[in-house]
């Protein structure tokens, strides 16, 4: 019974050490963090059926939830079809940090956010 306890403790400690290193490595790989006076906004140019948009949004939301980035996610409409618009509207309802505008209005949106 003693050997199993030692193995369990060793595995638990190894998991903790691995977790600490993984966390430190992740923090080192972050290229930029939002700070006071600096906010990172993301612009996604979306055309047609918006293929891959859902995965891109989920990835960006994950980064926001892990305090890697902050700011709005702007979806620039570069000619989305009805299916693309439906996908965007569902994403906007699900996440409050998503905005949509026409591609030609992106510059104005950035000026308003500054």
C-alpha atoms as a PDB file:
ATOM      1  CA  UNK A   1       0.000   0.000   0.000  1.00  0.00           C
ATOM      2  CA  UNK A   2       2.903   2.358   0.722  1.00  0.00           C
ATOM      3  CA  UNK A   3       4.310   2.075  -2.802  1.00  0.00           C
ATOM      4  CA  UNK A   4       0.966   3.054  -4.346  1.00  0.00           C
ATOM      5  CA  UNK A   5       0.777   6.142  -2.125  1.00  0.00           C
ATOM      6  CA  UNK A   6       4.300   7.150  -3.169  1.00  0.00           C
ATOM      7  CA  UNK A   7       3.412   6.690  -6.832  1.00  0.00           C
ATOM      8  CA  UNK A   8       0.228   8.747  -6.411  1.00  0.00           C
ATOM      9  CA  UNK A   9       2.087  11.564  -4.642  1.00  0.00           C
ATOM     10  CA  UNK A  10       4.843  11.532  -7.274  1.00  0.00           C
ATOM     11  CA  UNK A  11       2.302  11.713 -10.101  1.00  0.00           C
ATOM     12  CA  UNK A  12       0.425  14.535  -8.364  1.00  0.00           C
ATOM     13  CA  UNK A  13       3.627  16.534  -7.866  1.00  0.00           C
ATOM     14  CA  UNK A  14       4.682  15.920 -11.456  1.00  0.00           C
ATOM     15  CA  UNK A  15       1.284  17.205 -12.634  1.00  0.00           C
ATOM     16  CA  UNK A  16       1.617  20.344 -10.507  1.00  0.00           C
ATOM     17  CA  UNK A  17       5.130  21.051 -11.793  1.00  0.00           C
ATOM     18  CA  UNK A  18       4.002  20.467 -15.377  1.00  0.00           C
ATOM     19  CA  UNK A  19       1.037  22.800 -14.842  1.00  0.00           C
ATOM     20  CA  UNK A  20       3.263  25.555 -13.468  1.00  0.00           C
ATOM     21  CA  UNK A  21       5.684  25.279 -16.388  1.00  0.00           C
ATOM     22  CA  UNK A  22       2.821  25.179 -18.894  1.00  0.00           C
ATOM     23  CA  UNK A  23       1.336  28.335 -17.379  1.00  0.00           C
ATOM     24  CA  UNK A  24       4.679  30.150 -17.378  1.00  0.00           C
ATOM     25  CA  UNK A  25       5.358  29.102 -20.972  1.00  0.00           C
ATOM     26  CA  UNK A  26       1.916  30.338 -22.016  1.00  0.00           C
ATOM     27  CA  UNK A  27       2.493  33.725 -20.395  1.00  0.00           C
ATOM     28  CA  UNK A  28       5.849  34.092 -22.122  1.00  0.00           C
ATOM     29  CA  UNK A  29       4.295  33.458 -25.536  1.00  0.00           C
ATOM     30  CA  UNK A  30       1.719  36.252 -25.230  1.00  0.00           C
ATOM     31  CA  UNK A  31       2.855  38.885 -27.727  1.00  0.00           C
ATOM     32  CA  UNK A  32       0.967  41.805 -26.181  1.00  0.00           C
ATOM     33  CA  UNK A  33      -1.292  42.340 -23.214  1.00  0.00           C
ATOM     34  CA  UNK A  34      -4.008  44.954 -22.910  1.00  0.00           C
ATOM     35  CA  UNK A  35      -3.067  47.536 -20.332  1.00  0.00           C
ATOM     36  CA  UNK A  36      -4.313  50.928 -19.269  1.00  0.00           C
ATOM     37  CA  UNK A  37      -4.302  53.106 -22.376  1.00  0.00           C
ATOM     38  CA  UNK A  38      -3.771  50.145 -24.712  1.00  0.00           C
ATOM     39  CA  UNK A  39      -6.574  47.922 -25.900  1.00  0.00           C
ATOM     40  CA  UNK A  40      -6.192  45.217 -28.509  1.00  0.00           C
ATOM     41  CA  UNK A  41      -9.176  45.070 -30.854  1.00  0.00           C
ATOM     42  CA  UNK A  42      -9.487  42.338 -33.449  1.00  0.00           C
ATOM     43  CA  UNK A  43     -10.907  42.847 -36.934  1.00  0.00           C
ATOM     44  CA  UNK A  44     -12.145  39.814 -38.843  1.00  0.00           C
ATOM     45  CA  UNK A  45     -12.833  40.366 -42.544  1.00  0.00           C
ATOM     46  CA  UNK A  46     -15.649  38.022 -43.481  1.00  0.00           C
ATOM     47  CA  UNK A  47     -16.955  37.186 -46.943  1.00  0.00           C
ATOM     48  CA  UNK A  48     -19.479  34.734 -48.342  1.00  0.00           C
ATOM     49  CA  UNK A  49     -20.685  32.000 -46.003  1.00  0.00           C
ATOM     50  CA  UNK A  50     -18.275  33.056 -43.230  1.00  0.00           C
ATOM     51  CA  UNK A  51     -16.565  29.673 -43.185  1.00  0.00           C
ATOM     52  CA  UNK A  52     -14.340  29.284 -40.133  1.00  0.00           C
ATOM     53  CA  UNK A  53     -15.827  32.345 -38.433  1.00  0.00           C
ATOM     54  CA  UNK A  54     -17.293  30.392 -35.538  1.00  0.00           C
ATOM     55  CA  UNK A  55     -13.932  28.805 -34.715  1.00  0.00           C
ATOM     56  CA  UNK A  56     -12.129  32.146 -35.016  1.00  0.00           C
ATOM     57  CA  UNK A  57     -14.597  33.817 -32.661  1.00  0.00           C
ATOM     58  CA  UNK A  58     -14.436  30.977 -30.143  1.00  0.00           C
ATOM     59  CA  UNK A  59     -10.629  31.180 -30.193  1.00  0.00           C
ATOM     60  CA  UNK A  60     -10.689  34.940 -29.606  1.00  0.00           C
ATOM     61  CA  UNK A  61     -13.279  34.595 -26.831  1.00  0.00           C
ATOM     62  CA  UNK A  62     -11.061  31.954 -25.208  1.00  0.00           C
ATOM     63  CA  UNK A  63      -8.141  34.395 -25.316  1.00  0.00           C
ATOM     64  CA  UNK A  64     -10.341  37.056 -23.698  1.00  0.00           C
ATOM     65  CA  UNK A  65     -11.540  34.712 -20.973  1.00  0.00           C
ATOM     66  CA  UNK A  66      -7.937  33.809 -20.172  1.00  0.00           C
ATOM     67  CA  UNK A  67      -7.034  37.525 -19.918  1.00  0.00           C
ATOM     68  CA  UNK A  68      -4.680  37.220 -22.873  1.00  0.00           C
ATOM     69  CA  UNK A  69      -6.404  39.937 -24.885  1.00  0.00           C
ATOM     70  CA  UNK A  70      -9.200  42.371 -24.261  1.00  0.00           C
ATOM     71  CA  UNK A  71     -11.214  44.606 -26.500  1.00  0.00           C
ATOM     72  CA  UNK A  72     -13.886  44.263 -29.106  1.00  0.00           C
ATOM     73  CA  UNK A  73     -14.067  41.766 -31.928  1.00  0.00           C
ATOM     74  CA  UNK A  74     -15.110  43.631 -35.058  1.00  0.00           C
ATOM     75  CA  UNK A  75     -16.516  41.659 -37.940  1.00  0.00           C
ATOM     76  CA  UNK A  76     -16.014  43.569 -41.177  1.00  0.00           C
ATOM     77  CA  UNK A  77     -18.692  42.582 -43.682  1.00  0.00           C
ATOM     78  CA  UNK A  78     -16.911  42.118 -47.004  1.00  0.00           C
ATOM     79  CA  UNK A  79     -19.921  40.685 -48.799  1.00  0.00           C
ATOM     80  CA  UNK A  80     -21.376  38.025 -46.520  1.00  0.00           C
ATOM     81  CA  UNK A  81     -24.366  36.075 -47.745  1.00  0.00           C
ATOM     82  CA  UNK A  82     -27.478  35.344 -45.640  1.00  0.00           C
ATOM     83  CA  UNK A  83     -25.853  32.299 -44.057  1.00  0.00           C
ATOM     84  CA  UNK A  84     -22.873  34.413 -42.979  1.00  0.00           C
ATOM     85  CA  UNK A  85     -25.125  37.110 -41.515  1.00  0.00           C
ATOM     86  CA  UNK A  86     -27.079  34.500 -39.571  1.00  0.00           C
ATOM     87  CA  UNK A  87     -23.858  33.099 -38.140  1.00  0.00           C
ATOM     88  CA  UNK A  88     -22.695  36.594 -37.120  1.00  0.00           C
ATOM     89  CA  UNK A  89     -26.016  37.447 -35.480  1.00  0.00           C
ATOM     90  CA  UNK A  90     -25.876  34.234 -33.432  1.00  0.00           C
ATOM     91  CA  UNK A  91     -22.328  35.075 -32.342  1.00  0.00           C
ATOM     92  CA  UNK A  92     -23.358  38.619 -31.346  1.00  0.00           C
ATOM     93  CA  UNK A  93     -26.201  37.242 -29.220  1.00  0.00           C
ATOM     94  CA  UNK A  94     -23.840  34.766 -27.570  1.00  0.00           C
ATOM     95  CA  UNK A  95     -20.954  37.192 -26.875  1.00  0.00           C
ATOM     96  CA  UNK A  96     -21.298  40.842 -25.935  1.00  0.00           C
ATOM     97  CA  UNK A  97     -17.896  41.950 -27.281  1.00  0.00           C
ATOM     98  CA  UNK A  98     -18.682  41.403 -30.955  1.00  0.00           C
ATOM     99  CA  UNK A  99     -19.653  44.182 -33.366  1.00  0.00           C
ATOM    100  CA  UNK A 100     -20.359  44.109 -37.078  1.00  0.00           C
ATOM    101  CA  UNK A 101     -19.915  46.852 -39.646  1.00  0.00           C
ATOM    102  CA  UNK A 102     -19.372  47.226 -43.374  1.00  0.00           C
ATOM    103  CA  UNK A 103     -15.762  46.899 -44.511  1.00  0.00           C
ATOM    104  CA  UNK A 104     -15.639  50.546 -45.613  1.00  0.00           C
ATOM    105  CA  UNK A 105     -16.660  51.674 -42.088  1.00  0.00           C
ATOM    106  CA  UNK A 106     -13.802  49.930 -40.226  1.00  0.00           C
ATOM    107  CA  UNK A 107     -11.664  53.083 -40.111  1.00  0.00           C
ATOM    108  CA  UNK A 108     -14.495  55.100 -38.586  1.00  0.00           C
ATOM    109  CA  UNK A 109     -15.135  52.362 -36.015  1.00  0.00           C
ATOM    110  CA  UNK A 110     -11.463  52.438 -34.970  1.00  0.00           C
ATOM    111  CA  UNK A 111     -11.558  56.241 -34.617  1.00  0.00           C
ATOM    112  CA  UNK A 112     -14.651  55.971 -32.415  1.00  0.00           C
ATOM    113  CA  UNK A 113     -12.973  53.394 -30.168  1.00  0.00           C
ATOM    114  CA  UNK A 114      -9.804  55.491 -29.713  1.00  0.00           C
END
